[in-house]
Amino acid sequence: MFARYKIGNEDASRIIETKALLDMGATLTAIPRQITSHLGLKPRGMSWVGTGAGIMEVERPRAYIEIVGKSKVVPVLVSDTMDKVLIGLTTLEVLELEVDPVTGKLKERALLLYLD
């Protein structure tokens, strides 16, 4: 499923708007290096990720993400192999969104909190 979204640097002073693929099998959001460079995102560390091409180490900056009017600064991964933004499950959860399995559209949801 594709959705319109905005992505920017942490203070949202540089933002672009386009479409992204929503991937419920991905943990974090992945951004092509070209977009990362354009927005001036700075790596805050590295992460090992599993992909269809195997396990690789990638940069992990933070980015402003806005989808259907809900926004947050979230950790993202930099991809040297993808040409589209892939929105992962963690980003949707932080934005309090989920994909409705019946309609295939985004809808609001409550955050989960487990107490003993």
PDB file of N, CA and C in Angstrom:
ATOM      1  N   MET A   1       0.841  -1.174   0.000  1.00  0.00           N
ATOM      2  CA  MET A   1       0.000   0.000   0.000  1.00  0.00           C
ATOM      3  C   MET A   1       0.888   1.239   0.000  1.00  0.00           C
ATOM      4  N   PHE A   2       0.535   2.217  -0.781  1.00  0.00           N
ATOM      5  CA  PHE A   2       1.253   3.483  -0.825  1.00  0.00           C
ATOM      6  C   PHE A   2       0.449   4.549  -0.113  1.00  0.00           C
ATOM      7  N   ALA A   3       1.148   5.522   0.504  1.00  0.00           N
ATOM      8  CA  ALA A   3       0.495   6.637   1.185  1.00  0.00           C
ATOM      9  C   ALA A   3       1.297   7.907   0.926  1.00  0.00           C
ATOM     10  N   ARG A   4       0.621   9.037   0.897  1.00  0.00           N
ATOM     11  CA  ARG A   4       1.307  10.329   0.808  1.00  0.00           C
ATOM     12  C   ARG A   4       1.912  10.619   2.173  1.00  0.00           C
ATOM     13  N   TYR A   5       3.071  11.206   2.179  1.00  0.00           N
ATOM     14  CA  TYR A   5       3.734  11.517   3.434  1.00  0.00           C
ATOM     15  C   TYR A   5       4.667  12.702   3.230  1.00  0.00           C
ATOM     16  N   LYS A   6       5.111  13.280   4.343  1.00  0.00           N
ATOM     17  CA  LYS A   6       6.138  14.318   4.328  1.00  0.00           C
ATOM     18  C   LYS A   6       7.303  13.796   5.143  1.00  0.00           C
ATOM     19  N   ILE A   7       8.506  14.104   4.686  1.00  0.00           N
ATOM     20  CA  ILE A   7       9.708  13.724   5.412  1.00  0.00           C
ATOM     21  C   ILE A   7      10.634  14.929   5.436  1.00  0.00           C
ATOM     22  N   GLY A   8      11.297  15.102   6.582  1.00  0.00           N
ATOM     23  CA  GLY A   8      12.180  16.245   6.699  1.00  0.00           C
ATOM     24  C   GLY A   8      13.277  16.003   7.713  1.00  0.00           C
ATOM     25  N   ASN A   9      14.115  17.025   7.876  1.00  0.00           N
ATOM     26  CA  ASN A   9      15.138  16.934   8.911  1.00  0.00           C
ATOM     27  C   ASN A   9      14.470  17.106  10.275  1.00  0.00           C
ATOM     28  N   GLU A  10      15.230  16.926  11.356  1.00  0.00           N
ATOM     29  CA  GLU A  10      14.634  16.866  12.686  1.00  0.00           C
ATOM     30  C   GLU A  10      13.848  18.115  13.079  1.00  0.00           C
ATOM     31  N   ASP A  11      14.298  19.299  12.657  1.00  0.00           N
ATOM     32  CA  ASP A  11      13.558  20.512  13.029  1.00  0.00           C
ATOM     33  C   ASP A  11      12.513  20.901  11.980  1.00  0.00           C
ATOM     34  N   ALA A  12      12.319  20.040  10.989  1.00  0.00           N
ATOM     35  CA  ALA A  12      11.312  20.230   9.930  1.00  0.00           C
ATOM     36  C   ALA A  12      11.543  21.508   9.123  1.00  0.00           C
ATOM     37  N   SER A  13      12.798  21.982   9.061  1.00  0.00           N
ATOM     38  CA  SER A  13      13.095  23.168   8.269  1.00  0.00           C
ATOM     39  C   SER A  13      13.291  22.825   6.789  1.00  0.00           C
ATOM     40  N   ARG A  14      13.548  21.554   6.494  1.00  0.00           N
ATOM     41  CA  ARG A  14      13.652  21.074   5.113  1.00  0.00           C
ATOM     42  C   ARG A  14      12.721  19.874   4.990  1.00  0.00           C
ATOM     43  N   ILE A  15      11.699  19.991   4.153  1.00  0.00           N
ATOM     44  CA  ILE A  15      10.689  18.931   4.021  1.00  0.00           C
ATOM     45  C   ILE A  15      10.414  18.673   2.539  1.00  0.00           C
ATOM     46  N   ILE A  16      10.209  17.398   2.209  1.00  0.00           N
ATOM     47  CA  ILE A  16       9.705  17.031   0.889  1.00  0.00           C
ATOM     48  C   ILE A  16       8.438  16.210   1.081  1.00  0.00           C
ATOM     49  N   GLU A  17       7.587  16.207   0.064  1.00  0.00           N
ATOM     50  CA  GLU A  17       6.348  15.427   0.111  1.00  0.00           C
ATOM     51  C   GLU A  17       6.300  14.521  -1.111  1.00  0.00           C
ATOM     52  N   THR A  18       5.953  13.268  -0.877  1.00  0.00           N
ATOM     53  CA  THR A  18       5.862  12.302  -1.974  1.00  0.00           C
ATOM     54  C   THR A  18       5.063  11.084  -1.505  1.00  0.00           C
ATOM     55  N   LYS A  19       5.185   9.965  -2.210  1.00  0.00           N
ATOM     56  CA  LYS A  19       4.506   8.728  -1.807  1.00  0.00           C
ATOM     57  C   LYS A  19       5.525   7.758  -1.232  1.00  0.00           C
ATOM     58  N   ALA A  20       5.066   6.932  -0.303  1.00  0.00           N
ATOM     59  CA  ALA A  20       5.920   5.903   0.289  1.00  0.00           C
ATOM     60  C   ALA A  20       5.153   4.593   0.339  1.00  0.00           C
ATOM     61  N   LEU A  21       5.901   3.510   0.337  1.00  0.00           N
ATOM     62  CA  LEU A  21       5.330   2.183   0.488  1.00  0.00           C
ATOM     63  C   LEU A  21       5.206   1.868   1.967  1.00  0.00           C
ATOM     64  N   LEU A  22       4.012   1.476   2.412  1.00  0.00           N
ATOM     65  CA  LEU A  22       3.811   1.042   3.799  1.00  0.00           C
ATOM     66  C   LEU A  22       4.106  -0.446   3.855  1.00  0.00           C
ATOM     67  N   ASP A  23       5.072  -0.836   4.686  1.00  0.00           N
ATOM     68  CA  ASP A  23       5.513  -2.229   4.752  1.00  0.00           C
ATOM     69  C   ASP A  23       5.368  -2.741   6.177  1.00  0.00           C
ATOM     70  N   MET A  24       4.325  -3.518   6.424  1.00  0.00           N
ATOM     71  CA  MET A  24       4.069  -4.029   7.774  1.00  0.00           C
ATOM     72  C   MET A  24       5.095  -5.085   8.196  1.00  0.00           C
ATOM     73  N   GLY A  25       5.939  -5.536   7.277  1.00  0.00           N
ATOM     74  CA  GLY A  25       6.990  -6.488   7.605  1.00  0.00           C
ATOM     75  C   GLY A  25       8.306  -5.815   7.957  1.00  0.00           C
ATOM     76  N   ALA A  26       8.393  -4.501   7.773  1.00  0.00           N
ATOM     77  CA  ALA A  26       9.615  -3.747   8.088  1.00  0.00           C
ATOM     78  C   ALA A  26       9.482  -3.128   9.471  1.00  0.00           C
ATOM     79  N   THR A  27      10.564  -3.125  10.216  1.00  0.00           N
ATOM     80  CA  THR A  27      10.547  -2.534  11.554  1.00  0.00           C
ATOM     81  C   THR A  27      10.598  -1.015  11.467  1.00  0.00           C
ATOM     82  N   LEU A  28      11.686  -0.478  10.907  1.00  0.00           N
ATOM     83  CA  LEU A  28      11.862   0.974  10.821  1.00  0.00           C
ATOM     84  C   LEU A  28      11.609   1.467   9.408  1.00  0.00           C
ATOM     85  N   THR A  29      11.553   2.770   9.262  1.00  0.00           N
ATOM     86  CA  THR A  29      11.419   3.407   7.961  1.00  0.00           C
ATOM     87  C   THR A  29      12.785   3.456   7.293  1.00  0.00           C
ATOM     88  N   ALA A  30      12.831   3.150   6.006  1.00  0.00           N
ATOM     89  CA  ALA A  30      14.074   3.196   5.235  1.00  0.00           C
ATOM     90  C   ALA A  30      13.960   4.286   4.178  1.00  0.00           C
ATOM     91  N   ILE A  31      15.033   5.055   4.057  1.00  0.00           N
ATOM     92  CA  ILE A  31      15.058   6.206   3.154  1.00  0.00           C
ATOM     93  C   ILE A  31      16.243   6.074   2.205  1.00  0.00           C
ATOM     94  N   PRO A  32      16.025   6.305   0.903  1.00  0.00           N
ATOM     95  CA  PRO A  32      17.155   6.274  -0.024  1.00  0.00           C
ATOM     96  C   PRO A  32      18.198   7.335   0.341  1.00  0.00           C
ATOM     97  N   ARG A  33      19.464   7.019   0.123  1.00  0.00           N
ATOM     98  CA  ARG A  33      20.548   7.943   0.453  1.00  0.00           C
ATOM     99  C   ARG A  33      20.349   9.305  -0.206  1.00  0.00           C
ATOM    100  N   GLN A  34      19.849   9.332  -1.434  1.00  0.00           N
ATOM    101  CA  GLN A  34      19.657  10.603  -2.138  1.00  0.00           C
ATOM    102  C   GLN A  34      18.756  11.550  -1.336  1.00  0.00           C
ATOM    103  N   ILE A  35      17.661  11.034  -0.776  1.00  0.00           N
ATOM    104  CA  ILE A  35      16.758  11.864   0.030  1.00  0.00           C
ATOM    105  C   ILE A  35      17.441  12.263   1.338  1.00  0.00           C
ATOM    106  N   THR A  36      18.148  11.328   1.958  1.00  0.00           N
ATOM    107  CA  THR A  36      18.862  11.610   3.200  1.00  0.00           C
ATOM    108  C   THR A  36      19.843  12.763   2.992  1.00  0.00           C
ATOM    109  N   SER A  37      20.592  12.711   1.904  1.00  0.00           N
ATOM    110  CA  SER A  37      21.566  13.770   1.594  1.00  0.00           C
ATOM    111  C   SER A  37      20.869  15.093   1.325  1.00  0.00           C
ATOM    112  N   HIS A  38      19.779  15.064   0.546  1.00  0.00           N
ATOM    113  CA  HIS A  38      19.028  16.282   0.217  1.00  0.00           C
ATOM    114  C   HIS A  38      18.512  16.978   1.479  1.00  0.00           C
ATOM    115  N   LEU A  39      18.058  16.193   2.452  1.00  0.00           N
ATOM    116  CA  LEU A  39      17.508  16.758   3.687  1.00  0.00           C
ATOM    117  C   LEU A  39      18.586  17.082   4.718  1.00  0.00           C
ATOM    118  N   GLY A  40      19.799  16.620   4.480  1.00  0.00           N
ATOM    119  CA  GLY A  40      20.884  16.887   5.426  1.00  0.00           C
ATOM    120  C   GLY A  40      20.788  16.079   6.705  1.00  0.00           C
ATOM    121  N   LEU A  41      20.224  14.859   6.630  1.00  0.00           N
ATOM    122  CA  LEU A  41      20.097  14.022   7.821  1.00  0.00           C
ATOM    123  C   LEU A  41      21.477  13.502   8.226  1.00  0.00           C
ATOM    124  N   LYS A  42      21.788  13.601   9.497  1.00  0.00           N
ATOM    125  CA  LYS A  42      23.085  13.178  10.021  1.00  0.00           C
ATOM    126  C   LYS A  42      22.946  11.857  10.767  1.00  0.00           C
ATOM    127  N   PRO A  43      23.830  10.886  10.467  1.00  0.00           N
ATOM    128  CA  PRO A  43      23.764   9.600  11.169  1.00  0.00           C
ATOM    129  C   PRO A  43      24.003   9.773  12.667  1.00  0.00           C
ATOM    130  N   ARG A  44      23.250   9.034  13.463  1.00  0.00           N
ATOM    131  CA  ARG A  44      23.423   9.027  14.916  1.00  0.00           C
ATOM    132  C   ARG A  44      23.995   7.698  15.362  1.00  0.00           C
ATOM    133  N   GLY A  45      24.254   6.827  14.412  1.00  0.00           N
ATOM    134  CA  GLY A  45      24.787   5.511  14.715  1.00  0.00           C
ATOM    135  C   GLY A  45      24.579   4.599  13.529  1.00  0.00           C
ATOM    136  N   MET A  46      24.893   3.337  13.758  1.00  0.00           N
ATOM    137  CA  MET A  46      24.763   2.317  12.724  1.00  0.00           C
ATOM    138  C   MET A  46      23.884   1.190  13.269  1.00  0.00           C
ATOM    139  N   SER A  47      23.209   0.479  12.358  1.00  0.00           N
ATOM    140  CA  SER A  47      22.388  -0.672  12.742  1.00  0.00           C
ATOM    141  C   SER A  47      22.589  -1.790  11.735  1.00  0.00           C
ATOM    142  N   TRP A  48      22.543  -3.017  12.226  1.00  0.00           N
ATOM    143  CA  TRP A  48      22.550  -4.192  11.355  1.00  0.00           C
ATOM    144  C   TRP A  48      21.110  -4.502  10.993  1.00  0.00           C
ATOM    145  N   VAL A  49      20.839  -4.697   9.698  1.00  0.00           N
ATOM    146  CA  VAL A  49      19.477  -4.992   9.243  1.00  0.00           C
ATOM    147  C   VAL A  49      19.480  -6.205   8.322  1.00  0.00           C
ATOM    148  N   GLY A  50      18.402  -6.966   8.404  1.00  0.00           N
ATOM    149  CA  GLY A  50      18.211  -8.100   7.513  1.00  0.00           C
ATOM    150  C   GLY A  50      17.409  -7.663   6.307  1.00  0.00           C
ATOM    151  N   THR A  51      17.886  -8.007   5.120  1.00  0.00           N
ATOM    152  CA  THR A  51      17.192  -7.663   3.882  1.00  0.00           C
ATOM    153  C   THR A  51      17.121  -8.905   2.998  1.00  0.00           C
ATOM    154  N   GLY A  52      16.431  -8.788   1.892  1.00  0.00           N
ATOM    155  CA  GLY A  52      16.383  -9.881   0.938  1.00  0.00           C
ATOM    156  C   GLY A  52      17.760 -10.201   0.370  1.00  0.00           C
ATOM    157  N   ALA A  53      18.662  -9.226   0.431  1.00  0.00           N
ATOM    158  CA  ALA A  53      20.027  -9.405  -0.071  1.00  0.00           C
ATOM    159  C   ALA A  53      20.992  -9.860   1.021  1.00  0.00           C
ATOM    160  N   GLY A  54      20.478 -10.093   2.228  1.00  0.00           N
ATOM    161  CA  GLY A  54      21.333 -10.511   3.341  1.00  0.00           C
ATOM    162  C   GLY A  54      21.373  -9.462   4.444  1.00  0.00           C
ATOM    163  N   ILE A  55      22.280  -9.650   5.377  1.00  0.00           N
ATOM    164  CA  ILE A  55      22.416  -8.727   6.506  1.00  0.00           C
ATOM    165  C   ILE A  55      23.467  -7.687   6.162  1.00  0.00           C
ATOM    166  N   MET A  56      23.132  -6.410   6.430  1.00  0.00           N
ATOM    167  CA  MET A  56      24.082  -5.337   6.147  1.00  0.00           C
ATOM    168  C   MET A  56      24.014  -4.271   7.236  1.00  0.00           C
ATOM    169  N   GLU A  57      25.075  -3.495   7.342  1.00  0.00           N
ATOM    170  CA  GLU A  57      25.125  -2.409   8.313  1.00  0.00           C
ATOM    171  C   GLU A  57      24.756  -1.109   7.603  1.00  0.00           C
ATOM    172  N   VAL A  58      23.849  -0.338   8.198  1.00  0.00           N
ATOM    173  CA  VAL A  58      23.383   0.905   7.579  1.00  0.00           C
ATOM    174  C   VAL A  58      23.404   2.042   8.595  1.00  0.00           C
ATOM    175  N   GLU A  59      23.459   3.273   8.089  1.00  0.00           N
ATOM    176  CA  GLU A  59      23.390   4.456   8.935  1.00  0.00           C
ATOM    177  C   GLU A  59      21.983   4.606   9.497  1.00  0.00           C
ATOM    178  N   ARG A  60      21.926   5.235  10.698  1.00  0.00           N
ATOM    179  CA  ARG A  60      20.639   5.391  11.373  1.00  0.00           C
ATOM    180  C   ARG A  60      20.477   6.827  11.885  1.00  0.00           C
ATOM    181  N   PRO A  61      20.009   7.741  11.008  1.00  0.00           N
ATOM    182  CA  PRO A  61      19.688   9.096  11.470  1.00  0.00           C
ATOM    183  C   PRO A  61      18.264   9.161  12.030  1.00  0.00           C
ATOM    184  N   ARG A  62      17.806  10.362  12.333  1.00  0.00           N
ATOM    185  CA  ARG A  62      16.423  10.596  12.739  1.00  0.00           C
ATOM    186  C   ARG A  62      15.818  11.573  11.737  1.00  0.00           C
ATOM    187  N   ALA A  63      14.508  11.416  11.487  1.00  0.00           N
ATOM    188  CA  ALA A  63      13.834  12.278  10.511  1.00  0.00           C
ATOM    189  C   ALA A  63      12.433  12.624  10.996  1.00  0.00           C
ATOM    190  N   TYR A  64      11.957  13.774  10.555  1.00  0.00           N
ATOM    191  CA  TYR A  64      10.572  14.191  10.772  1.00  0.00           C
ATOM    192  C   TYR A  64       9.725  13.446   9.741  1.00  0.00           C
ATOM    193  N   ILE A  65       8.690  12.765  10.206  1.00  0.00           N
ATOM    194  CA  ILE A  65       7.769  12.046   9.314  1.00  0.00           C
ATOM    195  C   ILE A  65       6.347  12.522   9.612  1.00  0.00           C
ATOM    196  N   GLU A  66       5.595  12.825   8.559  1.00  0.00           N
ATOM    197  CA  GLU A  66       4.188  13.207   8.719  1.00  0.00           C
ATOM    198  C   GLU A  66       3.348  12.402   7.743  1.00  0.00           C
ATOM    199  N   ILE A  67       2.331  11.731   8.287  1.00  0.00           N
ATOM    200  CA  ILE A  67       1.387  10.961   7.479  1.00  0.00           C
ATOM    201  C   ILE A  67      -0.006  11.283   7.980  1.00  0.00           C
ATOM    202  N   VAL A  68      -0.916  11.569   7.085  1.00  0.00           N
ATOM    203  CA  VAL A  68      -2.311  11.939   7.379  1.00  0.00           C
ATOM    204  C   VAL A  68      -2.412  12.919   8.552  1.00  0.00           C
ATOM    205  N   GLY A  69      -1.551  13.925   8.564  1.00  0.00           N
ATOM    206  CA  GLY A  69      -1.619  14.979   9.563  1.00  0.00           C
ATOM    207  C   GLY A  69      -0.986  14.658  10.899  1.00  0.00           C
ATOM    208  N   LYS A  70      -0.449  13.465  11.086  1.00  0.00           N
ATOM    209  CA  LYS A  70       0.206  13.084  12.346  1.00  0.00           C
ATOM    210  C   LYS A  70       1.710  13.073  12.105  1.00  0.00           C
ATOM    211  N   SER A  71       2.471  13.685  13.015  1.00  0.00           N
ATOM    212  CA  SER A  71       3.908  13.793  12.779  1.00  0.00           C
ATOM    213  C   SER A  71       4.725  13.528  14.044  1.00  0.00           C
ATOM    214  N   LYS A  72       5.941  13.040  13.826  1.00  0.00           N
ATOM    215  CA  LYS A  72       6.914  12.774  14.890  1.00  0.00           C
ATOM    216  C   LYS A  72       8.298  12.730  14.261  1.00  0.00           C
ATOM    217  N   VAL A  73       9.317  12.891  15.090  1.00  0.00           N
ATOM    218  CA  VAL A  73      10.692  12.627  14.682  1.00  0.00           C
ATOM    219  C   VAL A  73      10.995  11.201  15.114  1.00  0.00           C
ATOM    220  N   VAL A  74      11.428  10.378  14.155  1.00  0.00           N
ATOM    221  CA  VAL A  74      11.631   8.948  14.403  1.00  0.00           C
ATOM    222  C   VAL A  74      12.986   8.498  13.854  1.00  0.00           C
ATOM    223  N   PRO A  75      13.521   7.383  14.381  1.00  0.00           N
ATOM    224  CA  PRO A  75      14.731   6.831  13.783  1.00  0.00           C
ATOM    225  C   PRO A  75      14.406   6.230  12.414  1.00  0.00           C
ATOM    226  N   VAL A  76      15.330   6.398  11.478  1.00  0.00           N
ATOM    227  CA  VAL A  76      15.170   5.849  10.134  1.00  0.00           C
ATOM    228  C   VAL A  76      16.478   5.175   9.719  1.00  0.00           C
ATOM    229  N   LEU A  77      16.410   4.380   8.682  1.00  0.00           N
ATOM    230  CA  LEU A  77      17.588   3.709   8.132  1.00  0.00           C
ATOM    231  C   LEU A  77      17.888   4.285   6.759  1.00  0.00           C
ATOM    232  N   VAL A  78      19.171   4.371   6.401  1.00  0.00           N
ATOM    233  CA  VAL A  78      19.580   4.889   5.100  1.00  0.00           C
ATOM    234  C   VAL A  78      19.849   3.711   4.173  1.00  0.00           C
ATOM    235  N   SER A  79      19.219   3.725   3.007  1.00  0.00           N
ATOM    236  CA  SER A  79      19.394   2.646   2.036  1.00  0.00           C
ATOM    237  C   SER A  79      20.182   3.122   0.821  1.00  0.00           C
ATOM    238  N   ASP A  80      21.193   2.335   0.460  1.00  0.00           N
ATOM    239  CA  ASP A  80      21.940   2.600  -0.765  1.00  0.00           C
ATOM    240  C   ASP A  80      21.391   1.794  -1.929  1.00  0.00           C
ATOM    241  N   THR A  81      20.358   0.966  -1.695  1.00  0.00           N
ATOM    242  CA  THR A  81      19.834   0.101  -2.747  1.00  0.00           C
ATOM    243  C   THR A  81      18.400   0.419  -3.154  1.00  0.00           C
ATOM    244  N   MET A  82      17.647   1.128  -2.317  1.00  0.00           N
ATOM    245  CA  MET A  82      16.246   1.424  -2.632  1.00  0.00           C
ATOM    246  C   MET A  82      16.114   2.798  -3.271  1.00  0.00           C
ATOM    247  N   ASP A  83      15.077   2.979  -4.094  1.00  0.00           N
ATOM    248  CA  ASP A  83      14.825   4.289  -4.687  1.00  0.00           C
ATOM    249  C   ASP A  83      13.519   4.910  -4.185  1.00  0.00           C
ATOM    250  N   LYS A  84      12.842   4.223  -3.268  1.00  0.00           N
ATOM    251  CA  LYS A  84      11.594   4.726  -2.679  1.00  0.00           C
ATOM    252  C   LYS A  84      11.698   4.669  -1.155  1.00  0.00           C
ATOM    253  N   VAL A  85      10.901   5.496  -0.489  1.00  0.00           N
ATOM    254  CA  VAL A  85      10.826   5.433   0.970  1.00  0.00           C
ATOM    255  C   VAL A  85       9.905   4.292   1.359  1.00  0.00           C
ATOM    256  N   LEU A  86      10.318   3.543   2.347  1.00  0.00           N
ATOM    257  CA  LEU A  86       9.538   2.427   2.864  1.00  0.00           C
ATOM    258  C   LEU A  86       9.206   2.760   4.321  1.00  0.00           C
ATOM    259  N   ILE A  87       7.930   2.933   4.638  1.00  0.00           N
ATOM    260  CA  ILE A  87       7.490   3.259   5.996  1.00  0.00           C
ATOM    261  C   ILE A  87       7.285   1.947   6.750  1.00  0.00           C
ATOM    262  N   GLY A  88       8.015   1.791   7.855  1.00  0.00           N
ATOM    263  CA  GLY A  88       7.931   0.575   8.649  1.00  0.00           C
ATOM    264  C   GLY A  88       6.898   0.647   9.756  1.00  0.00           C
ATOM    265  N   LEU A  89       6.661  -0.486  10.367  1.00  0.00           N
ATOM    266  CA  LEU A  89       5.638  -0.639  11.397  1.00  0.00           C
ATOM    267  C   LEU A  89       5.872   0.257  12.607  1.00  0.00           C
ATOM    268  N   THR A  90       7.114   0.374  13.058  1.00  0.00           N
ATOM    269  CA  THR A  90       7.399   1.190  14.244  1.00  0.00           C
ATOM    270  C   THR A  90       7.014   2.642  14.020  1.00  0.00           C
ATOM    271  N   THR A  91       7.305   3.165  12.831  1.00  0.00           N
ATOM    272  CA  THR A  91       6.934   4.549  12.520  1.00  0.00           C
ATOM    273  C   THR A  91       5.421   4.725  12.589  1.00  0.00           C
ATOM    274  N   LEU A  92       4.671   3.793  12.009  1.00  0.00           N
ATOM    275  CA  LEU A  92       3.204   3.894  12.068  1.00  0.00           C
ATOM    276  C   LEU A  92       2.710   3.825  13.509  1.00  0.00           C
ATOM    277  N   GLU A  93       3.296   2.941  14.317  1.00  0.00           N
ATOM    278  CA  GLU A  93       2.867   2.823  15.713  1.00  0.00           C
ATOM    279  C   GLU A  93       3.134   4.102  16.489  1.00  0.00           C
ATOM    280  N   VAL A  94       4.299   4.717  16.290  1.00  0.00           N
ATOM    281  CA  VAL A  94       4.619   5.966  16.974  1.00  0.00           C
ATOM    282  C   VAL A  94       3.645   7.072  16.565  1.00  0.00           C
ATOM    283  N   LEU A  95       3.218   7.053  15.311  1.00  0.00           N
ATOM    284  CA  LEU A  95       2.248   8.034  14.822  1.00  0.00           C
ATOM    285  C   LEU A  95       0.815   7.677  15.207  1.00  0.00           C
ATOM    286  N   GLU A  96       0.636   6.574  15.934  1.00  0.00           N
ATOM    287  CA  GLU A  96      -0.676   6.088  16.366  1.00  0.00           C
ATOM    288  C   GLU A  96      -1.579   5.787  15.163  1.00  0.00           C
ATOM    289  N   LEU A  97      -0.973   5.092  14.181  1.00  0.00           N
ATOM    290  CA  LEU A  97      -1.690   4.698  12.970  1.00  0.00           C
ATOM    291  C   LEU A  97      -1.540   3.203  12.741  1.00  0.00           C
ATOM    292  N   GLU A  98      -2.479   2.638  11.999  1.00  0.00           N
ATOM    293  CA  GLU A  98      -2.384   1.250  11.564  1.00  0.00           C
ATOM    294  C   GLU A  98      -3.122   1.117  10.242  1.00  0.00           C
ATOM    295  N   VAL A  99      -2.799   0.056   9.521  1.00  0.00           N
ATOM    296  CA  VAL A  99      -3.495  -0.219   8.270  1.00  0.00           C
ATOM    297  C   VAL A  99      -4.724  -1.066   8.586  1.00  0.00           C
ATOM    298  N   ASP A 100      -5.885  -0.606   8.160  1.00  0.00           N
ATOM    299  CA  ASP A 100      -7.121  -1.361   8.336  1.00  0.00           C
ATOM    300  C   ASP A 100      -7.078  -2.529   7.356  1.00  0.00           C
ATOM    301  N   PRO A 101      -7.104  -3.789   7.867  1.00  0.00           N
ATOM    302  CA  PRO A 101      -6.984  -4.935   6.972  1.00  0.00           C
ATOM    303  C   PRO A 101      -8.168  -5.109   6.016  1.00  0.00           C
ATOM    304  N   VAL A 102      -9.301  -4.528   6.345  1.00  0.00           N
ATOM    305  CA  VAL A 102     -10.486  -4.650   5.485  1.00  0.00           C
ATOM    306  C   VAL A 102     -10.437  -3.643   4.338  1.00  0.00           C
ATOM    307  N   THR A 103     -10.141  -2.372   4.678  1.00  0.00           N
ATOM    308  CA  THR A 103     -10.166  -1.314   3.658  1.00  0.00           C
ATOM    309  C   THR A 103      -8.791  -1.062   3.032  1.00  0.00           C
ATOM    310  N   GLY A 104      -7.721  -1.470   3.738  1.00  0.00           N
ATOM    311  CA  GLY A 104      -6.372  -1.193   3.254  1.00  0.00           C
ATOM    312  C   GLY A 104      -5.952   0.245   3.452  1.00  0.00           C
ATOM    313  N   LYS A 105      -6.737   1.008   4.217  1.00  0.00           N
ATOM    314  CA  LYS A 105      -6.437   2.428   4.463  1.00  0.00           C
ATOM    315  C   LYS A 105      -5.882   2.610   5.870  1.00  0.00           C
ATOM    316  N   LEU A 106      -5.173   3.726   6.057  1.00  0.00           N
ATOM    317  CA  LEU A 106      -4.661   4.050   7.388  1.00  0.00           C
ATOM    318  C   LEU A 106      -5.792   4.530   8.278  1.00  0.00           C
ATOM    319  N   LYS A 107      -5.710   4.140   9.545  1.00  0.00           N
ATOM    320  CA  LYS A 107      -6.674   4.627  10.523  1.00  0.00           C
ATOM    321  C   LYS A 107      -5.944   4.849  11.846  1.00  0.00           C
ATOM    322  N   GLU A 108      -6.514   5.699  12.684  1.00  0.00           N
ATOM    323  CA  GLU A 108      -5.919   5.983  13.976  1.00  0.00           C
ATOM    324  C   GLU A 108      -6.084   4.794  14.908  1.00  0.00           C
ATOM    325  N   ARG A 109      -5.127   4.647  15.822  1.00  0.00           N
ATOM    326  CA  ARG A 109      -5.202   3.583  16.818  1.00  0.00           C
ATOM    327  C   ARG A 109      -4.560   4.074  18.097  1.00  0.00           C
ATOM    328  N   ALA A 110      -4.913   3.472  19.197  1.00  0.00           N
ATOM    329  CA  ALA A 110      -4.331   3.819  20.490  1.00  0.00           C
ATOM    330  C   ALA A 110      -2.973   3.128  20.641  1.00  0.00           C
ATOM    331  N   LEU A 111      -2.074   3.766  21.352  1.00  0.00           N
ATOM    332  CA  LEU A 111      -0.803   3.127  21.703  1.00  0.00           C
ATOM    333  C   LEU A 111      -1.088   2.012  22.689  1.00  0.00           C
ATOM    334  N   LEU A 112      -0.230   0.997  22.717  1.00  0.00           N
ATOM    335  CA  LEU A 112      -0.404  -0.111  23.641  1.00  0.00           C
ATOM    336  C   LEU A 112       0.513   0.065  24.833  1.00  0.00           C
ATOM    337  N   LEU A 113       0.001  -0.225  26.020  1.00  0.00           N
ATOM    338  CA  LEU A 113       0.776  -0.174  27.254  1.00  0.00           C
ATOM    339  C   LEU A 113       0.437  -1.415  28.058  1.00  0.00           C
ATOM    340  N   TYR A 114       1.441  -2.183  28.377  1.00  0.00           N
ATOM    341  CA  TYR A 114       1.216  -3.421  29.143  1.00  0.00           C
ATOM    342  C   TYR A 114       1.675  -3.212  30.561  1.00  0.00           C
ATOM    343  N   LEU A 115       0.829  -3.527  31.500  1.00  0.00           N
ATOM    344  CA  LEU A 115       1.148  -3.433  32.915  1.00  0.00           C
ATOM    345  C   LEU A 115       0.993  -4.802  33.553  1.00  0.00           C
ATOM    346  N   ASP A 116       1.844  -5.089  34.521  1.00  0.00           N
ATOM    347  CA  ASP A 116       1.719  -6.355  35.269  1.00  0.00           C
ATOM    348  C   ASP A 116       0.801  -6.174  36.455  1.00  0.00           C
TER     349      ASP A 116
END
